[in-house]
Amino acid sequence: MKRIEITVNGTAYPCYPTGGAMLRFHQETGKEITEIDPRSFTQLCTYLWCCVVSASKREGKDFNLSLMDFADSVSLDDMTAWNQALQGGAAPAGEDVEDEKKSL
């Protein structure tokens, strides 16, 4: 599986689904990730942020942007590329992530 990263304000962060990302999404929205509307920028951006927060924590990388600061820093193109990378085979939660990087 390829390692997915997203660059925010010039810094690359890991960005892949984890159990923590799913729980964070539920805490933020009251919805399960299975309920995400793929047409909802708000839900997708929130889930993307949850994935960055959780993957960064898992890898010991500092990530201190609030959801709003994060949303101010990513573009629709960033979100589209991330979604395509996930569809292409991101590492699922609990699996090791290879060193090969896909920078968004």
PDB file of N, CA and C in Angstrom:
ATOM      1  N   MET A   1       0.830  -1.186   0.000  1.00  0.00           N
ATOM      2  CA  MET A   1       0.000   0.000   0.000  1.00  0.00           C
ATOM      3  C   MET A   1       0.874   1.250   0.000  1.00  0.00           C
ATOM      4  N   LYS A   2       0.432   2.241  -0.697  1.00  0.00           N
ATOM      5  CA  LYS A   2       1.192   3.487  -0.773  1.00  0.00           C
ATOM      6  C   LYS A   2       0.885   4.375   0.421  1.00  0.00           C
ATOM      7  N   ARG A   3       1.868   5.137   0.784  1.00  0.00           N
ATOM      8  CA  ARG A   3       1.721   6.099   1.879  1.00  0.00           C
ATOM      9  C   ARG A   3       1.156   7.382   1.292  1.00  0.00           C
ATOM     10  N   ILE A   4       0.096   7.862   1.870  1.00  0.00           N
ATOM     11  CA  ILE A   4      -0.547   9.081   1.379  1.00  0.00           C
ATOM     12  C   ILE A   4      -0.164  10.233   2.285  1.00  0.00           C
ATOM     13  N   GLU A   5       0.199  11.326   1.676  1.00  0.00           N
ATOM     14  CA  GLU A   5       0.518  12.557   2.402  1.00  0.00           C
ATOM     15  C   GLU A   5      -0.248  13.709   1.776  1.00  0.00           C
ATOM     16  N   ILE A   6      -0.438  14.729   2.569  1.00  0.00           N
ATOM     17  CA  ILE A   6      -1.001  15.977   2.075  1.00  0.00           C
ATOM     18  C   ILE A   6      -0.105  17.100   2.574  1.00  0.00           C
ATOM     19  N   THR A   7       0.167  18.051   1.725  1.00  0.00           N
ATOM     20  CA  THR A   7       0.994  19.190   2.110  1.00  0.00           C
ATOM     21  C   THR A   7       0.088  20.345   2.501  1.00  0.00           C
ATOM     22  N   VAL A   8       0.302  20.827   3.718  1.00  0.00           N
ATOM     23  CA  VAL A   8      -0.489  21.929   4.255  1.00  0.00           C
ATOM     24  C   VAL A   8       0.486  23.015   4.701  1.00  0.00           C
ATOM     25  N   ASN A   9       0.341  24.191   4.141  1.00  0.00           N
ATOM     26  CA  ASN A   9       1.222  25.315   4.472  1.00  0.00           C
ATOM     27  C   ASN A   9       2.698  24.944   4.346  1.00  0.00           C
ATOM     28  N   GLY A  10       3.026  24.180   3.307  1.00  0.00           N
ATOM     29  CA  GLY A  10       4.403  23.831   3.017  1.00  0.00           C
ATOM     30  C   GLY A  10       4.963  22.648   3.795  1.00  0.00           C
ATOM     31  N   THR A  11       4.169  22.014   4.640  1.00  0.00           N
ATOM     32  CA  THR A  11       4.630  20.864   5.415  1.00  0.00           C
ATOM     33  C   THR A  11       3.814  19.638   5.024  1.00  0.00           C
ATOM     34  N   ALA A  12       4.510  18.519   4.769  1.00  0.00           N
ATOM     35  CA  ALA A  12       3.840  17.276   4.414  1.00  0.00           C
ATOM     36  C   ALA A  12       3.412  16.533   5.680  1.00  0.00           C
ATOM     37  N   TYR A  13       2.179  16.055   5.673  1.00  0.00           N
ATOM     38  CA  TYR A  13       1.635  15.297   6.792  1.00  0.00           C
ATOM     39  C   TYR A  13       1.083  13.974   6.284  1.00  0.00           C
ATOM     40  N   PRO A  14       1.199  12.915   7.101  1.00  0.00           N
ATOM     41  CA  PRO A  14       0.563  11.652   6.714  1.00  0.00           C
ATOM     42  C   PRO A  14      -0.942  11.838   6.735  1.00  0.00           C
ATOM     43  N   CYS A  15      -1.613  11.129   5.862  1.00  0.00           N
ATOM     44  CA  CYS A  15      -3.059  11.331   5.735  1.00  0.00           C
ATOM     45  C   CYS A  15      -3.706  10.046   5.242  1.00  0.00           C
ATOM     46  N   TYR A  16      -4.095   9.198   6.179  1.00  0.00           N
ATOM     47  CA  TYR A  16      -4.747   7.952   5.818  1.00  0.00           C
ATOM     48  C   TYR A  16      -5.741   7.572   6.914  1.00  0.00           C
ATOM     49  N   PRO A  17      -6.704   6.720   6.572  1.00  0.00           N
ATOM     50  CA  PRO A  17      -7.732   6.348   7.540  1.00  0.00           C
ATOM     51  C   PRO A  17      -7.156   5.525   8.696  1.00  0.00           C
ATOM     52  N   THR A  18      -7.631   5.803   9.884  1.00  0.00           N
ATOM     53  CA  THR A  18      -7.326   5.020  11.083  1.00  0.00           C
ATOM     54  C   THR A  18      -8.614   4.924  11.893  1.00  0.00           C
ATOM     55  N   GLY A  19      -8.600   4.074  12.886  1.00  0.00           N
ATOM     56  CA  GLY A  19      -9.751   4.001  13.783  1.00  0.00           C
ATOM     57  C   GLY A  19      -9.993   5.334  14.470  1.00  0.00           C
ATOM     58  N   GLY A  20      -8.909   5.995  14.851  1.00  0.00           N
ATOM     59  CA  GLY A  20      -9.039   7.295  15.494  1.00  0.00           C
ATOM     60  C   GLY A  20      -9.681   8.327  14.588  1.00  0.00           C
ATOM     61  N   ALA A  21      -9.355   8.283  13.293  1.00  0.00           N
ATOM     62  CA  ALA A  21      -9.962   9.219  12.342  1.00  0.00           C
ATOM     63  C   ALA A  21     -11.471   9.001  12.260  1.00  0.00           C
ATOM     64  N   MET A  22     -11.876   7.747  12.283  1.00  0.00           N
ATOM     65  CA  MET A  22     -13.305   7.448  12.218  1.00  0.00           C
ATOM     66  C   MET A  22     -14.023   7.929  13.477  1.00  0.00           C
ATOM     67  N   LEU A  23     -13.403   7.719  14.636  1.00  0.00           N
ATOM     68  CA  LEU A  23     -13.996   8.194  15.886  1.00  0.00           C
ATOM     69  C   LEU A  23     -14.028   9.718  15.942  1.00  0.00           C
ATOM     70  N   ARG A  24     -12.948  10.366  15.503  1.00  0.00           N
ATOM     71  CA  ARG A  24     -12.927  11.830  15.482  1.00  0.00           C
ATOM     72  C   ARG A  24     -14.035  12.386  14.590  1.00  0.00           C
ATOM     73  N   PHE A  25     -14.202  11.758  13.416  1.00  0.00           N
ATOM     74  CA  PHE A  25     -15.247  12.216  12.501  1.00  0.00           C
ATOM     75  C   PHE A  25     -16.608  12.137  13.189  1.00  0.00           C
ATOM     76  N   HIS A  26     -16.859  11.048  13.884  1.00  0.00           N
ATOM     77  CA  HIS A  26     -18.133  10.903  14.587  1.00  0.00           C
ATOM     78  C   HIS A  26     -18.282  11.959  15.674  1.00  0.00           C
ATOM     79  N   GLN A  27     -17.207  12.244  16.406  1.00  0.00           N
ATOM     80  CA  GLN A  27     -17.256  13.275  17.449  1.00  0.00           C
ATOM     81  C   GLN A  27     -17.532  14.653  16.855  1.00  0.00           C
ATOM     82  N   GLU A  28     -16.951  14.934  15.710  1.00  0.00           N
ATOM     83  CA  GLU A  28     -17.112  16.248  15.071  1.00  0.00           C
ATOM     84  C   GLU A  28     -18.481  16.425  14.426  1.00  0.00           C
ATOM     85  N   THR A  29     -19.016  15.350  13.842  1.00  0.00           N
ATOM     86  CA  THR A  29     -20.219  15.478  13.015  1.00  0.00           C
ATOM     87  C   THR A  29     -21.451  14.749  13.547  1.00  0.00           C
ATOM     88  N   GLY A  30     -21.242  13.786  14.439  1.00  0.00           N
ATOM     89  CA  GLY A  30     -22.360  12.951  14.881  1.00  0.00           C
ATOM     90  C   GLY A  30     -22.724  11.885  13.871  1.00  0.00           C
ATOM     91  N   LYS A  31     -21.926  11.765  12.805  1.00  0.00           N
ATOM     92  CA  LYS A  31     -22.190  10.785  11.751  1.00  0.00           C
ATOM     93  C   LYS A  31     -21.064   9.761  11.682  1.00  0.00           C
ATOM     94  N   GLU A  32     -21.394   8.590  11.197  1.00  0.00           N
ATOM     95  CA  GLU A  32     -20.393   7.573  10.898  1.00  0.00           C
ATOM     96  C   GLU A  32     -19.792   7.880   9.528  1.00  0.00           C
ATOM     97  N   ILE A  33     -18.576   7.387   9.289  1.00  0.00           N
ATOM     98  CA  ILE A  33     -17.968   7.659   7.971  1.00  0.00           C
ATOM     99  C   ILE A  33     -18.752   6.998   6.847  1.00  0.00           C
ATOM    100  N   THR A  34     -19.505   5.962   7.159  1.00  0.00           N
ATOM    101  CA  THR A  34     -20.336   5.317   6.141  1.00  0.00           C
ATOM    102  C   THR A  34     -21.485   6.208   5.695  1.00  0.00           C
ATOM    103  N   GLU A  35     -21.731   7.284   6.439  1.00  0.00           N
ATOM    104  CA  GLU A  35     -22.807   8.221   6.100  1.00  0.00           C
ATOM    105  C   GLU A  35     -22.302   9.450   5.353  1.00  0.00           C
ATOM    106  N   ILE A  36     -21.015   9.505   5.038  1.00  0.00           N
ATOM    107  CA  ILE A  36     -20.466  10.672   4.352  1.00  0.00           C
ATOM    108  C   ILE A  36     -21.121  10.822   2.981  1.00  0.00           C
ATOM    109  N   ASP A  37     -21.594  12.010   2.721  1.00  0.00           N
ATOM    110  CA  ASP A  37     -22.151  12.345   1.416  1.00  0.00           C
ATOM    111  C   ASP A  37     -20.981  12.806   0.544  1.00  0.00           C
ATOM    112  N   PRO A  38     -20.650  12.069  -0.517  1.00  0.00           N
ATOM    113  CA  PRO A  38     -19.487  12.432  -1.339  1.00  0.00           C
ATOM    114  C   PRO A  38     -19.616  13.799  -2.016  1.00  0.00           C
ATOM    115  N   ARG A  39     -20.799  14.398  -1.974  1.00  0.00           N
ATOM    116  CA  ARG A  39     -20.998  15.732  -2.546  1.00  0.00           C
ATOM    117  C   ARG A  39     -20.838  16.831  -1.494  1.00  0.00           C
ATOM    118  N   SER A  40     -20.618  16.432  -0.243  1.00  0.00           N
ATOM    119  CA  SER A  40     -20.527  17.394   0.849  1.00  0.00           C
ATOM    120  C   SER A  40     -19.078  17.791   1.114  1.00  0.00           C
ATOM    121  N   PHE A  41     -18.734  19.012   0.714  1.00  0.00           N
ATOM    122  CA  PHE A  41     -17.387  19.504   0.992  1.00  0.00           C
ATOM    123  C   PHE A  41     -17.116  19.499   2.493  1.00  0.00           C
ATOM    124  N   THR A  42     -18.099  19.897   3.279  1.00  0.00           N
ATOM    125  CA  THR A  42     -17.928  19.981   4.727  1.00  0.00           C
ATOM    126  C   THR A  42     -17.580  18.624   5.320  1.00  0.00           C
ATOM    127  N   GLN A  43     -18.311  17.599   4.946  1.00  0.00           N
ATOM    128  CA  GLN A  43     -18.035  16.271   5.480  1.00  0.00           C
ATOM    129  C   GLN A  43     -16.697  15.730   4.998  1.00  0.00           C
ATOM    130  N   LEU A  44     -16.392  15.919   3.728  1.00  0.00           N
ATOM    131  CA  LEU A  44     -15.116  15.427   3.198  1.00  0.00           C
ATOM    132  C   LEU A  44     -13.931  16.155   3.823  1.00  0.00           C
ATOM    133  N   CYS A  45     -14.049  17.459   3.962  1.00  0.00           N
ATOM    134  CA  CYS A  45     -12.971  18.233   4.567  1.00  0.00           C
ATOM    135  C   CYS A  45     -12.776  17.824   6.029  1.00  0.00           C
ATOM    136  N   THR A  46     -13.873  17.611   6.729  1.00  0.00           N
ATOM    137  CA  THR A  46     -13.794  17.190   8.130  1.00  0.00           C
ATOM    138  C   THR A  46     -13.123  15.822   8.231  1.00  0.00           C
ATOM    139  N   TYR A  47     -13.497  14.894   7.362  1.00  0.00           N
ATOM    140  CA  TYR A  47     -12.883  13.567   7.403  1.00  0.00           C
ATOM    141  C   TYR A  47     -11.400  13.632   7.026  1.00  0.00           C
ATOM    142  N   LEU A  48     -11.070  14.445   6.051  1.00  0.00           N
ATOM    143  CA  LEU A  48      -9.666  14.631   5.679  1.00  0.00           C
ATOM    144  C   LEU A  48      -8.879  15.136   6.878  1.00  0.00           C
ATOM    145  N   TRP A  49      -9.382  16.150   7.568  1.00  0.00           N
ATOM    146  CA  TRP A  49      -8.725  16.687   8.762  1.00  0.00           C
ATOM    147  C   TRP A  49      -8.578  15.599   9.818  1.00  0.00           C
ATOM    148  N   CYS A  50      -9.625  14.819  10.030  1.00  0.00           N
ATOM    149  CA  CYS A  50      -9.563  13.734  11.012  1.00  0.00           C
ATOM    150  C   CYS A  50      -8.473  12.728  10.653  1.00  0.00           C
ATOM    151  N   CYS A  51      -8.338  12.426   9.368  1.00  0.00           N
ATOM    152  CA  CYS A  51      -7.300  11.491   8.922  1.00  0.00           C
ATOM    153  C   CYS A  51      -5.902  12.062   9.160  1.00  0.00           C
ATOM    154  N   VAL A  52      -5.717  13.353   8.887  1.00  0.00           N
ATOM    155  CA  VAL A  52      -4.412  13.980   9.116  1.00  0.00           C
ATOM    156  C   VAL A  52      -4.091  14.009  10.610  1.00  0.00           C
ATOM    157  N   VAL A  53      -5.044  14.416  11.427  1.00  0.00           N
ATOM    158  CA  VAL A  53      -4.821  14.473  12.874  1.00  0.00           C
ATOM    159  C   VAL A  53      -4.427  13.098  13.394  1.00  0.00           C
ATOM    160  N   SER A  54      -5.186  12.087  13.035  1.00  0.00           N
ATOM    161  CA  SER A  54      -4.965  10.748  13.558  1.00  0.00           C
ATOM    162  C   SER A  54      -3.686  10.103  13.018  1.00  0.00           C
ATOM    163  N   ALA A  55      -3.453  10.218  11.709  1.00  0.00           N
ATOM    164  CA  ALA A  55      -2.242   9.636  11.125  1.00  0.00           C
ATOM    165  C   ALA A  55      -0.990  10.340  11.664  1.00  0.00           C
ATOM    166  N   SER A  56      -1.078  11.647  11.855  1.00  0.00           N
ATOM    167  CA  SER A  56       0.061  12.385  12.420  1.00  0.00           C
ATOM    168  C   SER A  56       0.338  11.918  13.840  1.00  0.00           C
ATOM    169  N   LYS A  57      -0.703  11.745  14.618  1.00  0.00           N
ATOM    170  CA  LYS A  57      -0.530  11.261  15.989  1.00  0.00           C
ATOM    171  C   LYS A  57       0.090   9.871  15.979  1.00  0.00           C
ATOM    172  N   ARG A  58      -0.404   9.016  15.120  1.00  0.00           N
ATOM    173  CA  ARG A  58       0.109   7.644  15.003  1.00  0.00           C
ATOM    174  C   ARG A  58       1.597   7.631  14.670  1.00  0.00           C
ATOM    175  N   GLU A  59       2.023   8.565  13.815  1.00  0.00           N
ATOM    176  CA  GLU A  59       3.420   8.608  13.387  1.00  0.00           C
ATOM    177  C   GLU A  59       4.288   9.544  14.228  1.00  0.00           C
ATOM    178  N   GLY A  60       3.708  10.163  15.257  1.00  0.00           N
ATOM    179  CA  GLY A  60       4.485  11.030  16.136  1.00  0.00           C
ATOM    180  C   GLY A  60       4.846  12.370  15.519  1.00  0.00           C
ATOM    181  N   LYS A  61       4.057  12.833  14.565  1.00  0.00           N
ATOM    182  CA  LYS A  61       4.308  14.123  13.918  1.00  0.00           C
ATOM    183  C   LYS A  61       3.348  15.162  14.481  1.00  0.00           C
ATOM    184  N   ASP A  62       3.886  16.309  14.868  1.00  0.00           N
ATOM    185  CA  ASP A  62       3.042  17.380  15.390  1.00  0.00           C
ATOM    186  C   ASP A  62       2.132  17.931  14.299  1.00  0.00           C
ATOM    187  N   PHE A  63       0.862  18.059  14.631  1.00  0.00           N
ATOM    188  CA  PHE A  63      -0.122  18.682  13.747  1.00  0.00           C
ATOM    189  C   PHE A  63      -1.086  19.432  14.644  1.00  0.00           C
ATOM    190  N   ASN A  64      -1.048  20.747  14.590  1.00  0.00           N
ATOM    191  CA  ASN A  64      -1.802  21.554  15.537  1.00  0.00           C
ATOM    192  C   ASN A  64      -2.832  22.482  14.898  1.00  0.00           C
ATOM    193  N   LEU A  65      -3.226  22.220  13.658  1.00  0.00           N
ATOM    194  CA  LEU A  65      -4.225  23.077  13.019  1.00  0.00           C
ATOM    195  C   LEU A  65      -5.625  22.679  13.458  1.00  0.00           C
ATOM    196  N   SER A  66      -6.424  23.666  13.788  1.00  0.00           N
ATOM    197  CA  SER A  66      -7.839  23.406  14.042  1.00  0.00           C
ATOM    198  C   SER A  66      -8.500  23.033  12.720  1.00  0.00           C
ATOM    199  N   LEU A  67      -9.703  22.518  12.812  1.00  0.00           N
ATOM    200  CA  LEU A  67     -10.437  22.173  11.598  1.00  0.00           C
ATOM    201  C   LEU A  67     -10.592  23.388  10.691  1.00  0.00           C
ATOM    202  N   MET A  68     -10.930  24.525  11.262  1.00  0.00           N
ATOM    203  CA  MET A  68     -11.130  25.730  10.445  1.00  0.00           C
ATOM    204  C   MET A  68      -9.818  26.203   9.818  1.00  0.00           C
ATOM    205  N   ASP A  69      -8.727  26.196  10.581  1.00  0.00           N
ATOM    206  CA  ASP A  69      -7.430  26.586  10.021  1.00  0.00           C
ATOM    207  C   ASP A  69      -7.016  25.629   8.905  1.00  0.00           C
ATOM    208  N   PHE A  70      -7.283  24.350   9.104  1.00  0.00           N
ATOM    209  CA  PHE A  70      -6.990  23.354   8.080  1.00  0.00           C
ATOM    210  C   PHE A  70      -7.803  23.634   6.821  1.00  0.00           C
ATOM    211  N   ALA A  71      -9.100  23.883   6.989  1.00  0.00           N
ATOM    212  CA  ALA A  71      -9.969  24.150   5.842  1.00  0.00           C
ATOM    213  C   ALA A  71      -9.515  25.392   5.080  1.00  0.00           C
ATOM    214  N   ASP A  72      -9.008  26.383   5.808  1.00  0.00           N
ATOM    215  CA  ASP A  72      -8.494  27.587   5.157  1.00  0.00           C
ATOM    216  C   ASP A  72      -7.234  27.307   4.350  1.00  0.00           C
ATOM    217  N   SER A  73      -6.561  26.193   4.646  1.00  0.00           N
ATOM    218  CA  SER A  73      -5.258  25.902   4.047  1.00  0.00           C
ATOM    219  C   SER A  73      -5.296  24.883   2.921  1.00  0.00           C
ATOM    220  N   VAL A  74      -6.411  24.187   2.726  1.00  0.00           N
ATOM    221  CA  VAL A  74      -6.484  23.185   1.660  1.00  0.00           C
ATOM    222  C   VAL A  74      -7.428  23.657   0.557  1.00  0.00           C
ATOM    223  N   SER A  75      -7.150  23.184  -0.630  1.00  0.00           N
ATOM    224  CA  SER A  75      -7.973  23.561  -1.778  1.00  0.00           C
ATOM    225  C   SER A  75      -8.859  22.390  -2.198  1.00  0.00           C
ATOM    226  N   LEU A  76      -9.783  22.668  -3.060  1.00  0.00           N
ATOM    227  CA  LEU A  76     -10.626  21.614  -3.617  1.00  0.00           C
ATOM    228  C   LEU A  76      -9.767  20.606  -4.373  1.00  0.00           C
ATOM    229  N   ASP A  77      -8.722  21.073  -5.054  1.00  0.00           N
ATOM    230  CA  ASP A  77      -7.806  20.171  -5.761  1.00  0.00           C
ATOM    231  C   ASP A  77      -7.105  19.234  -4.785  1.00  0.00           C
ATOM    232  N   ASP A  78      -6.685  19.757  -3.612  1.00  0.00           N
ATOM    233  CA  ASP A  78      -6.061  18.921  -2.585  1.00  0.00           C
ATOM    234  C   ASP A  78      -7.022  17.809  -2.157  1.00  0.00           C
ATOM    235  N   MET A  79      -8.264  18.186  -1.937  1.00  0.00           N
ATOM    236  CA  MET A  79      -9.256  17.220  -1.475  1.00  0.00           C
ATOM    237  C   MET A  79      -9.550  16.170  -2.543  1.00  0.00           C
ATOM    238  N   THR A  80      -9.622  16.599  -3.786  1.00  0.00           N
ATOM    239  CA  THR A  80      -9.873  15.667  -4.883  1.00  0.00           C
ATOM    240  C   THR A  80      -8.719  14.675  -5.023  1.00  0.00           C
ATOM    241  N   ALA A  81      -7.498  15.175  -4.952  1.00  0.00           N
ATOM    242  CA  ALA A  81      -6.324  14.298  -5.064  1.00  0.00           C
ATOM    243  C   ALA A  81      -6.286  13.295  -3.918  1.00  0.00           C
ATOM    244  N   TRP A  82      -6.627  13.756  -2.707  1.00  0.00           N
ATOM    245  CA  TRP A  82      -6.640  12.857  -1.552  1.00  0.00           C
ATOM    246  C   TRP A  82      -7.695  11.770  -1.744  1.00  0.00           C
ATOM    247  N   ASN A  83      -8.870  12.144  -2.179  1.00  0.00           N
ATOM    248  CA  ASN A  83      -9.941  11.179  -2.391  1.00  0.00           C
ATOM    249  C   ASN A  83      -9.542  10.153  -3.448  1.00  0.00           C
ATOM    250  N   GLN A  84      -8.900  10.605  -4.514  1.00  0.00           N
ATOM    251  CA  GLN A  84      -8.446   9.687  -5.564  1.00  0.00           C
ATOM    252  C   GLN A  84      -7.360   8.748  -5.038  1.00  0.00           C
ATOM    253  N   ALA A  85      -6.471   9.269  -4.192  1.00  0.00           N
ATOM    254  CA  ALA A  85      -5.422   8.431  -3.610  1.00  0.00           C
ATOM    255  C   ALA A  85      -6.035   7.355  -2.717  1.00  0.00           C
ATOM    256  N   LEU A  86      -7.055   7.713  -1.957  1.00  0.00           N
ATOM    257  CA  LEU A  86      -7.730   6.727  -1.114  1.00  0.00           C
ATOM    258  C   LEU A  86      -8.385   5.649  -1.964  1.00  0.00           C
ATOM    259  N   GLN A  87      -9.018   6.050  -3.040  1.00  0.00           N
ATOM    260  CA  GLN A  87      -9.683   5.092  -3.915  1.00  0.00           C
ATOM    261  C   GLN A  87      -8.668   4.163  -4.582  1.00  0.00           C
ATOM    262  N   GLY A  88      -7.432   4.660  -4.732  1.00  0.00           N
ATOM    263  CA  GLY A  88      -6.398   3.890  -5.401  1.00  0.00           C
ATOM    264  C   GLY A  88      -5.658   2.922  -4.505  1.00  0.00           C
ATOM    265  N   GLY A  89      -6.002   2.859  -3.226  1.00  0.00           N
ATOM    266  CA  GLY A  89      -5.372   1.855  -2.382  1.00  0.00           C
ATOM    267  C   GLY A  89      -4.566   2.394  -1.236  1.00  0.00           C
ATOM    268  N   ALA A  90      -5.125   3.254  -0.452  1.00  0.00           N
ATOM    269  CA  ALA A  90      -4.438   3.730   0.746  1.00  0.00           C
ATOM    270  C   ALA A  90      -4.363   2.617   1.771  1.00  0.00           C
ATOM    271  N   ALA A  91      -3.421   2.725   2.670  1.00  0.00           N
ATOM    272  CA  ALA A  91      -3.267   1.730   3.727  1.00  0.00           C
ATOM    273  C   ALA A  91      -4.430   1.813   4.701  1.00  0.00           C
ATOM    274  N   PRO A  92      -5.121   0.706   4.915  1.00  0.00           N
ATOM    275  CA  PRO A  92      -6.201   0.716   5.890  1.00  0.00           C
ATOM    276  C   PRO A  92      -5.659   0.798   7.312  1.00  0.00           C
ATOM    277  N   ALA A  93      -6.507   1.171   8.226  1.00  0.00           N
ATOM    278  CA  ALA A  93      -6.110   1.257   9.629  1.00  0.00           C
ATOM    279  C   ALA A  93      -5.566  -0.083  10.087  1.00  0.00           C
ATOM    280  N   GLY A  94      -4.479  -0.036  10.844  1.00  0.00           N
ATOM    281  CA  GLY A  94      -3.907  -1.243  11.411  1.00  0.00           C
ATOM    282  C   GLY A  94      -2.857  -1.901  10.544  1.00  0.00           C
ATOM    283  N   GLU A  95      -2.727  -1.515   9.300  1.00  0.00           N
ATOM    284  CA  GLU A  95      -1.707  -2.087   8.435  1.00  0.00           C
ATOM    285  C   GLU A  95      -0.511  -1.164   8.383  1.00  0.00           C
ATOM    286  N   ASP A  96       0.662  -1.769   8.195  1.00  0.00           N
ATOM    287  CA  ASP A  96       1.863  -0.962   8.070  1.00  0.00           C
ATOM    288  C   ASP A  96       1.791  -0.141   6.799  1.00  0.00           C
ATOM    289  N   VAL A  97       2.394   1.042   6.863  1.00  0.00           N
ATOM    290  CA  VAL A  97       2.405   1.941   5.729  1.00  0.00           C
ATOM    291  C   VAL A  97       3.809   1.923   5.142  1.00  0.00           C
ATOM    292  N   GLU A  98       3.909   1.668   3.819  1.00  0.00           N
ATOM    293  CA  GLU A  98       5.210   1.642   3.170  1.00  0.00           C
ATOM    294  C   GLU A  98       5.821   3.041   3.135  1.00  0.00           C
ATOM    295  N   ASP A  99       7.131   3.077   2.931  1.00  0.00           N
ATOM    296  CA  ASP A  99       7.834   4.345   2.858  1.00  0.00           C
ATOM    297  C   ASP A  99       7.592   5.081   1.560  1.00  0.00           C
ATOM    298  N   GLU A 100       7.059   4.404   0.542  1.00  0.00           N
ATOM    299  CA  GLU A 100       6.780   5.060  -0.720  1.00  0.00           C
ATOM    300  C   GLU A 100       5.740   6.150  -0.476  1.00  0.00           C
ATOM    301  N   LYS A 101       5.985   7.334  -0.987  1.00  0.00           N
ATOM    302  CA  LYS A 101       5.126   8.467  -0.693  1.00  0.00           C
ATOM    303  C   LYS A 101       4.361   8.907  -1.925  1.00  0.00           C
ATOM    304  N   LYS A 102       3.126   9.292  -1.698  1.00  0.00           N
ATOM    305  CA  LYS A 102       2.326   9.941  -2.736  1.00  0.00           C
ATOM    306  C   LYS A 102       1.990  11.300  -2.170  1.00  0.00           C
ATOM    307  N   SER A 103       2.640  12.312  -2.667  1.00  0.00           N
ATOM    308  CA  SER A 103       2.426  13.664  -2.151  1.00  0.00           C
ATOM    309  C   SER A 103       1.275  14.305  -2.860  1.00  0.00           C
ATOM    310  N   LEU A 104       0.411  14.935  -2.100  1.00  0.00           N
ATOM    311  CA  LEU A 104      -0.740  15.612  -2.678  1.00  0.00           C
ATOM    312  C   LEU A 104      -0.489  17.082  -2.756  1.00  0.00           C
TER     313      LEU A 104
END
